[in-house]
Amino acid sequence: MHDGILIGEGVVLDARPASFATRALGALLDVAVTVLGLLVLLVLAMQTPLVLDMQWGTALGIGVMVVALVVVPVTVETLSRGRSLGKLAAGIRVVRDDGGPIHLRHALVRALVGVFELWLTFGAVALVASLANTKGKRLGDVLAGTYAIRVRGGRGWSVPLMMPPQLAGWARTADMRRLPDGLALAARQLLDRAPKLAPASRARLTDEMAAKIEAYVAPGPPSGTPAEAFLHAVLHERRERELALGRRERERASRLGQTLHRLPYAVPDPRS
């Protein structure tokens, strides 16, 4: 059975789980990097000029283990939105079950459970759980609500986003709240698959998706607007607004940087 994001009447959108071999490769690379980092930290800790008794030495060792096995993986996966060094090399990413990016809570659960299933059991529990799950989830993924997907080598969008001319004026003035990541991804994938669906299923699924997204838009589209055209208009306008916001943020940061480096009261800069 093909796995992915389930919408509408049992139609699954593409968000394919990574293969077992790919996940295993990424995990092995992560383990190798972690072991190497752990050895470096232990060597540095042993070379400290402080004379530590057995109790403090044990505490230091535990602290190093916590940093290497929990703190660093959680930080890396949170900041990279689910991509550790091994996953980057293997071309996979950890995402939520709805297809959205993971956050601190997901990364923390995965790391804490991973101490048991990956390290204390030498990966045996993770191996059995992954083989038994249709999405290849280990126990940490099951508890965190995440799984690994392929992000390398996938095809691009076959259907580009287009602004319907009759909706351009409405889209420019409509109030559009930020769409949840999973819903936006599901809508984009539905538009990409729409031409391949049977006409009846295509109409039902786009109507259902448009009803979900319309809750985030005010006012609604003009009466009689086809659901697929509405989805194109919203996603296209959403993309354009985010690009414009990004450009404004970069310009604001640039102006702020120039202001911070400018002397007050028109005092000339002696370096210039």
C-alpha atoms as a PDB file:
ATOM      1  CA  MET A   1       0.000   0.000   0.000  1.00  0.00           C
ATOM      2  CA  HIS A   2       1.291   3.446  -0.860  1.00  0.00           C
ATOM      3  CA  ASP A   3       1.687   5.713   2.179  1.00  0.00           C
ATOM      4  CA  GLY A   4       1.322   9.449   2.294  1.00  0.00           C
ATOM      5  CA  ILE A   5      -1.059  12.179   3.376  1.00  0.00           C
ATOM      6  CA  LEU A   6      -4.646  10.939   3.302  1.00  0.00           C
ATOM      7  CA  ILE A   7      -7.331  13.383   2.231  1.00  0.00           C
ATOM      8  CA  GLY A   8     -10.875  13.324   0.982  1.00  0.00           C
ATOM      9  CA  GLU A   9     -12.294   9.945   0.076  1.00  0.00           C
ATOM     10  CA  GLY A  10      -9.265   7.789   0.761  1.00  0.00           C
ATOM     11  CA  VAL A  11      -7.034   9.396  -1.874  1.00  0.00           C
ATOM     12  CA  VAL A  12      -3.410   9.478  -0.782  1.00  0.00           C
ATOM     13  CA  LEU A  13      -1.163  12.371  -1.736  1.00  0.00           C
ATOM     14  CA  ASP A  14       2.557  11.874  -2.386  1.00  0.00           C
ATOM     15  CA  ALA A  15       4.726  12.123   0.713  1.00  0.00           C
ATOM     16  CA  ARG A  16       6.505   8.836   0.280  1.00  0.00           C
ATOM     17  CA  PRO A  17       8.313   7.350   3.284  1.00  0.00           C
ATOM     18  CA  ALA A  18      12.011   6.769   2.823  1.00  0.00           C
ATOM     19  CA  SER A  19      13.027   3.184   2.104  1.00  0.00           C
ATOM     20  CA  PHE A  20      14.455   1.026   4.872  1.00  0.00           C
ATOM     21  CA  ALA A  21      17.903   1.015   3.249  1.00  0.00           C
ATOM     22  CA  THR A  22      17.939   4.813   3.013  1.00  0.00           C
ATOM     23  CA  ARG A  23      16.847   5.236   6.629  1.00  0.00           C
ATOM     24  CA  ALA A  24      19.432   2.698   7.759  1.00  0.00           C
ATOM     25  CA  LEU A  25      22.169   4.537   5.857  1.00  0.00           C
ATOM     26  CA  GLY A  26      21.183   7.856   7.433  1.00  0.00           C
ATOM     27  CA  ALA A  27      21.024   6.270  10.890  1.00  0.00           C
ATOM     28  CA  LEU A  28      24.460   4.663  10.517  1.00  0.00           C
ATOM     29  CA  LEU A  29      25.980   7.966   9.450  1.00  0.00           C
ATOM     30  CA  ASP A  30      24.376   9.712  12.420  1.00  0.00           C
ATOM     31  CA  VAL A  31      25.647   7.012  14.783  1.00  0.00           C
ATOM     32  CA  ALA A  32      29.172   7.335  13.367  1.00  0.00           C
ATOM     33  CA  VAL A  33      29.127  11.117  13.768  1.00  0.00           C
ATOM     34  CA  THR A  34      27.703  10.844  17.301  1.00  0.00           C
ATOM     35  CA  VAL A  35      30.289   8.262  18.380  1.00  0.00           C
ATOM     36  CA  LEU A  36      33.092  10.388  16.960  1.00  0.00           C
ATOM     37  CA  GLY A  37      31.759  13.483  18.717  1.00  0.00           C
ATOM     38  CA  LEU A  38      31.336  11.524  21.936  1.00  0.00           C
ATOM     39  CA  LEU A  39      34.936  10.329  21.813  1.00  0.00           C
ATOM     40  CA  VAL A  40      36.162  13.870  21.228  1.00  0.00           C
ATOM     41  CA  LEU A  41      34.148  15.179  24.177  1.00  0.00           C
ATOM     42  CA  LEU A  42      35.403  12.382  26.454  1.00  0.00           C
ATOM     43  CA  VAL A  43      39.019  13.012  25.443  1.00  0.00           C
ATOM     44  CA  LEU A  44      38.628  16.720  26.148  1.00  0.00           C
ATOM     45  CA  ALA A  45      36.971  15.973  29.471  1.00  0.00           C
ATOM     46  CA  MET A  46      39.799  13.618  30.476  1.00  0.00           C
ATOM     47  CA  GLN A  47      42.378  16.274  29.692  1.00  0.00           C
ATOM     48  CA  THR A  48      40.843  18.839  32.006  1.00  0.00           C
ATOM     49  CA  PRO A  49      43.411  20.232  34.458  1.00  0.00           C
ATOM     50  CA  LEU A  50      40.998  19.771  37.350  1.00  0.00           C
ATOM     51  CA  VAL A  51      41.511  16.749  39.563  1.00  0.00           C
ATOM     52  CA  LEU A  52      38.137  15.051  39.778  1.00  0.00           C
ATOM     53  CA  ASP A  53      37.201  12.303  42.188  1.00  0.00           C
ATOM     54  CA  MET A  54      35.175   9.307  41.076  1.00  0.00           C
ATOM     55  CA  GLN A  55      31.817  10.942  41.814  1.00  0.00           C
ATOM     56  CA  TRP A  56      32.529  14.077  39.802  1.00  0.00           C
ATOM     57  CA  GLY A  57      34.088  12.048  37.008  1.00  0.00           C
ATOM     58  CA  THR A  58      30.920   9.968  36.723  1.00  0.00           C
ATOM     59  CA  ALA A  59      28.768  13.103  36.692  1.00  0.00           C
ATOM     60  CA  LEU A  60      30.936  14.607  33.959  1.00  0.00           C
ATOM     61  CA  GLY A  61      30.659  11.437  31.900  1.00  0.00           C
ATOM     62  CA  ILE A  62      26.871  11.434  32.222  1.00  0.00           C
ATOM     63  CA  GLY A  63      26.757  15.090  31.229  1.00  0.00           C
ATOM     64  CA  VAL A  64      28.821  14.402  28.119  1.00  0.00           C
ATOM     65  CA  MET A  65      26.502  11.512  27.189  1.00  0.00           C
ATOM     66  CA  VAL A  66      23.392  13.680  27.602  1.00  0.00           C
ATOM     67  CA  VAL A  67      24.875  16.402  25.425  1.00  0.00           C
ATOM     68  CA  ALA A  68      25.935  13.971  22.685  1.00  0.00           C
ATOM     69  CA  LEU A  69      22.831  11.763  22.656  1.00  0.00           C
ATOM     70  CA  VAL A  70      20.056  14.257  23.415  1.00  0.00           C
ATOM     71  CA  VAL A  71      21.010  17.934  23.345  1.00  0.00           C
ATOM     72  CA  VAL A  72      22.929  17.944  20.064  1.00  0.00           C
ATOM     73  CA  PRO A  73      20.454  15.767  18.075  1.00  0.00           C
ATOM     74  CA  VAL A  74      17.478  17.770  19.345  1.00  0.00           C
ATOM     75  CA  THR A  75      19.141  21.070  18.462  1.00  0.00           C
ATOM     76  CA  VAL A  76      20.207  19.922  14.998  1.00  0.00           C
ATOM     77  CA  GLU A  77      16.824  18.413  14.051  1.00  0.00           C
ATOM     78  CA  THR A  78      14.910  21.421  15.383  1.00  0.00           C
ATOM     79  CA  LEU A  79      17.007  24.034  13.589  1.00  0.00           C
ATOM     80  CA  SER A  80      17.238  22.041  10.351  1.00  0.00           C
ATOM     81  CA  ARG A  81      13.536  21.083  10.348  1.00  0.00           C
ATOM     82  CA  GLY A  82      14.226  17.361  10.567  1.00  0.00           C
ATOM     83  CA  ARG A  83      17.558  16.953   8.781  1.00  0.00           C
ATOM     84  CA  SER A  84      20.587  15.660  10.666  1.00  0.00           C
ATOM     85  CA  LEU A  85      23.948  15.173   8.952  1.00  0.00           C
ATOM     86  CA  GLY A  86      23.167  11.534   8.169  1.00  0.00           C
ATOM     87  CA  LYS A  87      19.700  12.348   6.856  1.00  0.00           C
ATOM     88  CA  LEU A  88      21.118  15.149   4.720  1.00  0.00           C
ATOM     89  CA  ALA A  89      23.614  12.738   3.181  1.00  0.00           C
ATOM     90  CA  ALA A  90      20.915  10.098   2.622  1.00  0.00           C
ATOM     91  CA  GLY A  91      18.466  12.594   1.129  1.00  0.00           C
ATOM     92  CA  ILE A  92      15.692  12.179   3.703  1.00  0.00           C
ATOM     93  CA  ARG A  93      13.890  14.407   6.178  1.00  0.00           C
ATOM     94  CA  VAL A  94      11.774  13.776   9.271  1.00  0.00           C
ATOM     95  CA  VAL A  95       8.314  15.368   9.047  1.00  0.00           C
ATOM     96  CA  ARG A  96       5.103  15.283  11.048  1.00  0.00           C
ATOM     97  CA  ASP A  97       2.384  12.809  10.113  1.00  0.00           C
ATOM     98  CA  ASP A  98       0.528  15.638   8.366  1.00  0.00           C
ATOM     99  CA  GLY A  99       3.587  16.435   6.251  1.00  0.00           C
ATOM    100  CA  GLY A 100       4.568  19.614   8.117  1.00  0.00           C
ATOM    101  CA  PRO A 101       8.019  20.362   9.594  1.00  0.00           C
ATOM    102  CA  ILE A 102       8.880  19.028  13.037  1.00  0.00           C
ATOM    103  CA  HIS A 103       9.415  21.268  16.052  1.00  0.00           C
ATOM    104  CA  LEU A 104      11.284  21.050  19.348  1.00  0.00           C
ATOM    105  CA  ARG A 105       8.715  18.731  20.950  1.00  0.00           C
ATOM    106  CA  HIS A 106       8.956  16.188  18.139  1.00  0.00           C
ATOM    107  CA  ALA A 107      12.770  16.235  18.091  1.00  0.00           C
ATOM    108  CA  LEU A 108      12.940  15.891  21.897  1.00  0.00           C
ATOM    109  CA  VAL A 109      10.616  12.878  21.978  1.00  0.00           C
ATOM    110  CA  ARG A 110      12.558  11.204  19.172  1.00  0.00           C
ATOM    111  CA  ALA A 111      15.887  11.778  20.910  1.00  0.00           C
ATOM    112  CA  LEU A 112      14.735  10.623  24.361  1.00  0.00           C
ATOM    113  CA  VAL A 113      13.172   7.430  23.028  1.00  0.00           C
ATOM    114  CA  GLY A 114      16.188   6.967  20.778  1.00  0.00           C
ATOM    115  CA  VAL A 115      18.474   6.640  23.807  1.00  0.00           C
ATOM    116  CA  PHE A 116      16.629   3.417  24.643  1.00  0.00           C
ATOM    117  CA  GLU A 117      15.816   1.956  21.239  1.00  0.00           C
ATOM    118  CA  LEU A 118      18.984   3.000  19.408  1.00  0.00           C
ATOM    119  CA  TRP A 119      21.740   3.031  22.008  1.00  0.00           C
ATOM    120  CA  LEU A 120      20.760   0.837  24.971  1.00  0.00           C
ATOM    121  CA  THR A 121      19.502  -1.957  22.699  1.00  0.00           C
ATOM    122  CA  PHE A 122      22.086  -1.382  19.946  1.00  0.00           C
ATOM    123  CA  GLY A 123      19.318  -0.531  17.491  1.00  0.00           C
ATOM    124  CA  ALA A 124      17.496  -3.859  17.805  1.00  0.00           C
ATOM    125  CA  VAL A 125      14.217  -2.340  19.013  1.00  0.00           C
ATOM    126  CA  ALA A 126      14.332   0.383  16.348  1.00  0.00           C
ATOM    127  CA  LEU A 127      15.013  -2.243  13.669  1.00  0.00           C
ATOM    128  CA  VAL A 128      12.043  -4.431  14.656  1.00  0.00           C
ATOM    129  CA  ALA A 129       9.697  -1.441  15.039  1.00  0.00           C
ATOM    130  CA  SER A 130      10.742   0.019  11.689  1.00  0.00           C
ATOM    131  CA  LEU A 131      10.242  -3.251   9.822  1.00  0.00           C
ATOM    132  CA  ALA A 132       6.834  -3.776  11.440  1.00  0.00           C
ATOM    133  CA  ASN A 133       5.521  -0.285  10.601  1.00  0.00           C
ATOM    134  CA  THR A 134       4.162   0.503   7.135  1.00  0.00           C
ATOM    135  CA  LYS A 135       5.872   3.914   7.195  1.00  0.00           C
ATOM    136  CA  GLY A 136       9.087   2.582   8.674  1.00  0.00           C
ATOM    137  CA  LYS A 137       8.563   4.361  11.984  1.00  0.00           C
ATOM    138  CA  ARG A 138      10.663   3.516  14.993  1.00  0.00           C
ATOM    139  CA  LEU A 139       9.175   3.894  18.485  1.00  0.00           C
ATOM    140  CA  GLY A 140      10.360   7.491  18.726  1.00  0.00           C
ATOM    141  CA  ASP A 141       8.490   8.337  15.533  1.00  0.00           C
ATOM    142  CA  VAL A 142       5.319   6.620  16.732  1.00  0.00           C
ATOM    143  CA  LEU A 143       5.300   8.597  19.993  1.00  0.00           C
ATOM    144  CA  ALA A 144       6.305  11.883  18.341  1.00  0.00           C
ATOM    145  CA  GLY A 145       3.926  11.548  15.383  1.00  0.00           C
ATOM    146  CA  THR A 146       6.670  11.751  12.760  1.00  0.00           C
ATOM    147  CA  TYR A 147       8.205   9.710   9.940  1.00  0.00           C
ATOM    148  CA  ALA A 148      11.013  10.019   7.399  1.00  0.00           C
ATOM    149  CA  ILE A 149      10.335  10.973   3.775  1.00  0.00           C
ATOM    150  CA  ARG A 150      12.500  11.168   0.667  1.00  0.00           C
ATOM    151  CA  VAL A 151      13.485  14.672  -0.382  1.00  0.00           C
ATOM    152  CA  ARG A 152      16.268  13.947  -2.859  1.00  0.00           C
ATOM    153  CA  GLY A 153      15.682  12.859  -6.391  1.00  0.00           C
ATOM    154  CA  GLY A 154      11.976  13.600  -6.291  1.00  0.00           C
ATOM    155  CA  ARG A 155      10.316  15.222  -9.247  1.00  0.00           C
ATOM    156  CA  GLY A 156       9.224  18.825  -9.181  1.00  0.00           C
ATOM    157  CA  TRP A 157       5.665  20.034  -9.513  1.00  0.00           C
ATOM    158  CA  SER A 158       4.195  19.033 -12.861  1.00  0.00           C
ATOM    159  CA  VAL A 159       1.348  21.564 -12.567  1.00  0.00           C
ATOM    160  CA  PRO A 160       2.581  25.146 -11.921  1.00  0.00           C
ATOM    161  CA  LEU A 161       0.580  27.507  -9.739  1.00  0.00           C
ATOM    162  CA  MET A 162      -1.281  30.003 -11.902  1.00  0.00           C
ATOM    163  CA  MET A 163      -3.358  33.013 -10.842  1.00  0.00           C
ATOM    164  CA  PRO A 164      -6.730  32.833 -12.642  1.00  0.00           C
ATOM    165  CA  PRO A 165      -7.194  36.267 -14.276  1.00  0.00           C
ATOM    166  CA  GLN A 166     -10.758  36.570 -13.005  1.00  0.00           C
ATOM    167  CA  LEU A 167      -9.564  36.109  -9.403  1.00  0.00           C
ATOM    168  CA  ALA A 168      -6.473  38.371  -9.448  1.00  0.00           C
ATOM    169  CA  GLY A 169      -8.297  41.451  -8.146  1.00  0.00           C
ATOM    170  CA  TRP A 170     -10.075  39.505  -5.409  1.00  0.00           C
ATOM    171  CA  ALA A 171      -6.857  37.750  -4.308  1.00  0.00           C
ATOM    172  CA  ARG A 172      -4.938  41.038  -3.963  1.00  0.00           C
ATOM    173  CA  THR A 173      -7.474  42.482  -1.503  1.00  0.00           C
ATOM    174  CA  ALA A 174      -8.579  39.322   0.340  1.00  0.00           C
ATOM    175  CA  ASP A 175      -7.495  38.734   3.926  1.00  0.00           C
ATOM    176  CA  MET A 176      -5.638  35.421   3.942  1.00  0.00           C
ATOM    177  CA  ARG A 177      -4.551  33.939   7.242  1.00  0.00           C
ATOM    178  CA  ARG A 178      -1.502  31.709   7.308  1.00  0.00           C
ATOM    179  CA  LEU A 179      -2.378  28.174   6.235  1.00  0.00           C
ATOM    180  CA  PRO A 180      -1.189  25.263   8.388  1.00  0.00           C
ATOM    181  CA  ASP A 181       1.852  23.642   6.778  1.00  0.00           C
ATOM    182  CA  GLY A 182       0.143  20.273   6.349  1.00  0.00           C
ATOM    183  CA  LEU A 183      -2.975  21.768   4.767  1.00  0.00           C
ATOM    184  CA  ALA A 184      -0.956  23.919   2.345  1.00  0.00           C
ATOM    185  CA  LEU A 185       1.134  20.899   1.321  1.00  0.00           C
ATOM    186  CA  ALA A 186      -1.955  18.741   0.835  1.00  0.00           C
ATOM    187  CA  ALA A 187      -3.600  21.422  -1.333  1.00  0.00           C
ATOM    188  CA  ARG A 188      -0.477  21.826  -3.482  1.00  0.00           C
ATOM    189  CA  GLN A 189      -0.147  18.090  -3.993  1.00  0.00           C
ATOM    190  CA  LEU A 190      -3.832  17.765  -4.841  1.00  0.00           C
ATOM    191  CA  LEU A 191      -3.487  20.416  -7.566  1.00  0.00           C
ATOM    192  CA  ASP A 192      -0.492  18.524  -8.927  1.00  0.00           C
ATOM    193  CA  ARG A 193      -2.421  15.253  -9.077  1.00  0.00           C
ATOM    194  CA  ALA A 194      -5.752  16.710 -10.190  1.00  0.00           C
ATOM    195  CA  PRO A 195      -5.241  16.175 -13.951  1.00  0.00           C
ATOM    196  CA  LYS A 196      -4.649  12.459 -13.326  1.00  0.00           C
ATOM    197  CA  LEU A 197      -7.847  11.931 -11.304  1.00  0.00           C
ATOM    198  CA  ALA A 198     -11.207  10.855 -12.637  1.00  0.00           C
ATOM    199  CA  PRO A 199     -13.452  13.899 -13.243  1.00  0.00           C
ATOM    200  CA  ALA A 200     -15.897  12.990 -10.467  1.00  0.00           C
ATOM    201  CA  SER A 201     -13.144  12.385  -7.907  1.00  0.00           C
ATOM    202  CA  ARG A 202     -11.325  15.521  -9.042  1.00  0.00           C
ATOM    203  CA  ALA A 203     -14.422  17.649  -8.476  1.00  0.00           C
ATOM    204  CA  ARG A 204     -15.197  16.106  -5.077  1.00  0.00           C
ATOM    205  CA  LEU A 205     -11.646  16.394  -3.750  1.00  0.00           C
ATOM    206  CA  THR A 206     -11.076  19.956  -4.906  1.00  0.00           C
ATOM    207  CA  ASP A 207     -14.457  20.993  -3.457  1.00  0.00           C
ATOM    208  CA  GLU A 208     -13.529  19.426  -0.130  1.00  0.00           C
ATOM    209  CA  MET A 209     -10.090  21.036  -0.074  1.00  0.00           C
ATOM    210  CA  ALA A 210     -11.505  24.431  -1.067  1.00  0.00           C
ATOM    211  CA  ALA A 211     -13.984  24.224   1.820  1.00  0.00           C
ATOM    212  CA  LYS A 212     -11.117  23.641   4.259  1.00  0.00           C
ATOM    213  CA  ILE A 213      -9.031  26.520   2.920  1.00  0.00           C
ATOM    214  CA  GLU A 214     -11.951  28.943   2.628  1.00  0.00           C
ATOM    215  CA  ALA A 215     -12.037  29.097   6.435  1.00  0.00           C
ATOM    216  CA  TYR A 216      -8.702  30.957   6.266  1.00  0.00           C
ATOM    217  CA  VAL A 217      -9.814  33.485   3.629  1.00  0.00           C
ATOM    218  CA  ALA A 218     -12.127  36.493   3.950  1.00  0.00           C
ATOM    219  CA  PRO A 219     -14.110  37.456   2.036  1.00  0.00           C
ATOM    220  CA  GLY A 220     -14.745  34.282   0.116  1.00  0.00           C
ATOM    221  CA  PRO A 221     -14.213  34.070  -3.651  1.00  0.00           C
ATOM    222  CA  PRO A 222     -16.807  35.433  -6.063  1.00  0.00           C
ATOM    223  CA  SER A 223     -19.915  33.327  -6.435  1.00  0.00           C
ATOM    224  CA  GLY A 224     -19.549  30.542  -8.962  1.00  0.00           C
ATOM    225  CA  THR A 225     -15.751  30.316  -8.682  1.00  0.00           C
ATOM    226  CA  PRO A 226     -14.544  26.768  -9.469  1.00  0.00           C
ATOM    227  CA  ALA A 227     -12.878  25.115  -6.491  1.00  0.00           C
ATOM    228  CA  GLU A 228      -9.681  24.354  -8.411  1.00  0.00           C
ATOM    229  CA  ALA A 229      -9.340  27.957  -9.569  1.00  0.00           C
ATOM    230  CA  PHE A 230      -9.860  29.103  -5.974  1.00  0.00           C
ATOM    231  CA  LEU A 231      -7.078  26.808  -4.745  1.00  0.00           C
ATOM    232  CA  HIS A 232      -4.709  28.069  -7.440  1.00  0.00           C
ATOM    233  CA  ALA A 233      -5.501  31.675  -6.552  1.00  0.00           C
ATOM    234  CA  VAL A 234      -4.996  31.224  -2.803  1.00  0.00           C
ATOM    235  CA  LEU A 235      -1.750  29.261  -3.063  1.00  0.00           C
ATOM    236  CA  HIS A 236      -0.364  31.601  -5.733  1.00  0.00           C
ATOM    237  CA  GLU A 237      -1.207  34.712  -3.724  1.00  0.00           C
ATOM    238  CA  ARG A 238       0.130  33.114  -0.539  1.00  0.00           C
ATOM    239  CA  ARG A 239       3.449  32.428  -2.275  1.00  0.00           C
ATOM    240  CA  GLU A 240       3.667  35.955  -3.683  1.00  0.00           C
ATOM    241  CA  ARG A 241       2.934  37.538  -0.304  1.00  0.00           C
ATOM    242  CA  GLU A 242       5.548  35.416   1.444  1.00  0.00           C
ATOM    243  CA  LEU A 243       8.138  36.341  -1.185  1.00  0.00           C
ATOM    244  CA  ALA A 244       7.270  40.026  -0.802  1.00  0.00           C
ATOM    245  CA  LEU A 245       7.493  39.738   2.980  1.00  0.00           C
ATOM    246  CA  GLY A 246      10.890  38.105   2.702  1.00  0.00           C
ATOM    247  CA  ARG A 247      12.140  40.898   0.463  1.00  0.00           C
ATOM    248  CA  ARG A 248      10.862  43.558   2.887  1.00  0.00           C
ATOM    249  CA  GLU A 249      12.532  41.810   5.814  1.00  0.00           C
ATOM    250  CA  ARG A 250      15.858  41.702   3.977  1.00  0.00           C
ATOM    251  CA  GLU A 251      15.589  45.377   3.067  1.00  0.00           C
ATOM    252  CA  ARG A 252      14.685  46.303   6.645  1.00  0.00           C
ATOM    253  CA  ALA A 253      17.627  44.313   7.990  1.00  0.00           C
ATOM    254  CA  SER A 254      19.937  46.012   5.508  1.00  0.00           C
ATOM    255  CA  ARG A 255      18.707  49.483   6.512  1.00  0.00           C
ATOM    256  CA  LEU A 256      18.994  48.616  10.188  1.00  0.00           C
ATOM    257  CA  GLY A 257      22.542  47.395   9.659  1.00  0.00           C
ATOM    258  CA  GLN A 258      23.481  50.657   7.967  1.00  0.00           C
ATOM    259  CA  THR A 259      21.897  52.651  10.807  1.00  0.00           C
ATOM    260  CA  LEU A 260      23.769  50.710  13.470  1.00  0.00           C
ATOM    261  CA  HIS A 261      27.072  51.399  11.754  1.00  0.00           C
ATOM    262  CA  ARG A 262      26.350  55.105  11.276  1.00  0.00           C
ATOM    263  CA  LEU A 263      27.576  57.594  13.892  1.00  0.00           C
ATOM    264  CA  PRO A 264      24.874  59.853  15.448  1.00  0.00           C
ATOM    265  CA  TYR A 265      24.451  63.618  14.913  1.00  0.00           C
ATOM    266  CA  ALA A 266      25.989  63.458  11.461  1.00  0.00           C
ATOM    267  CA  VAL A 267      29.461  62.887  12.959  1.00  0.00           C
ATOM    268  CA  PRO A 268      31.724  61.759  10.105  1.00  0.00           C
ATOM    269  CA  ASP A 269      33.054  58.229  10.320  1.00  0.00           C
ATOM    270  CA  PRO A 270      36.841  58.452  10.808  1.00  0.00           C
ATOM    271  CA  ARG A 271      37.253  55.160   8.959  1.00  0.00           C
ATOM    272  CA  SER A 272      35.769  56.546   5.747  1.00  0.00           C
END
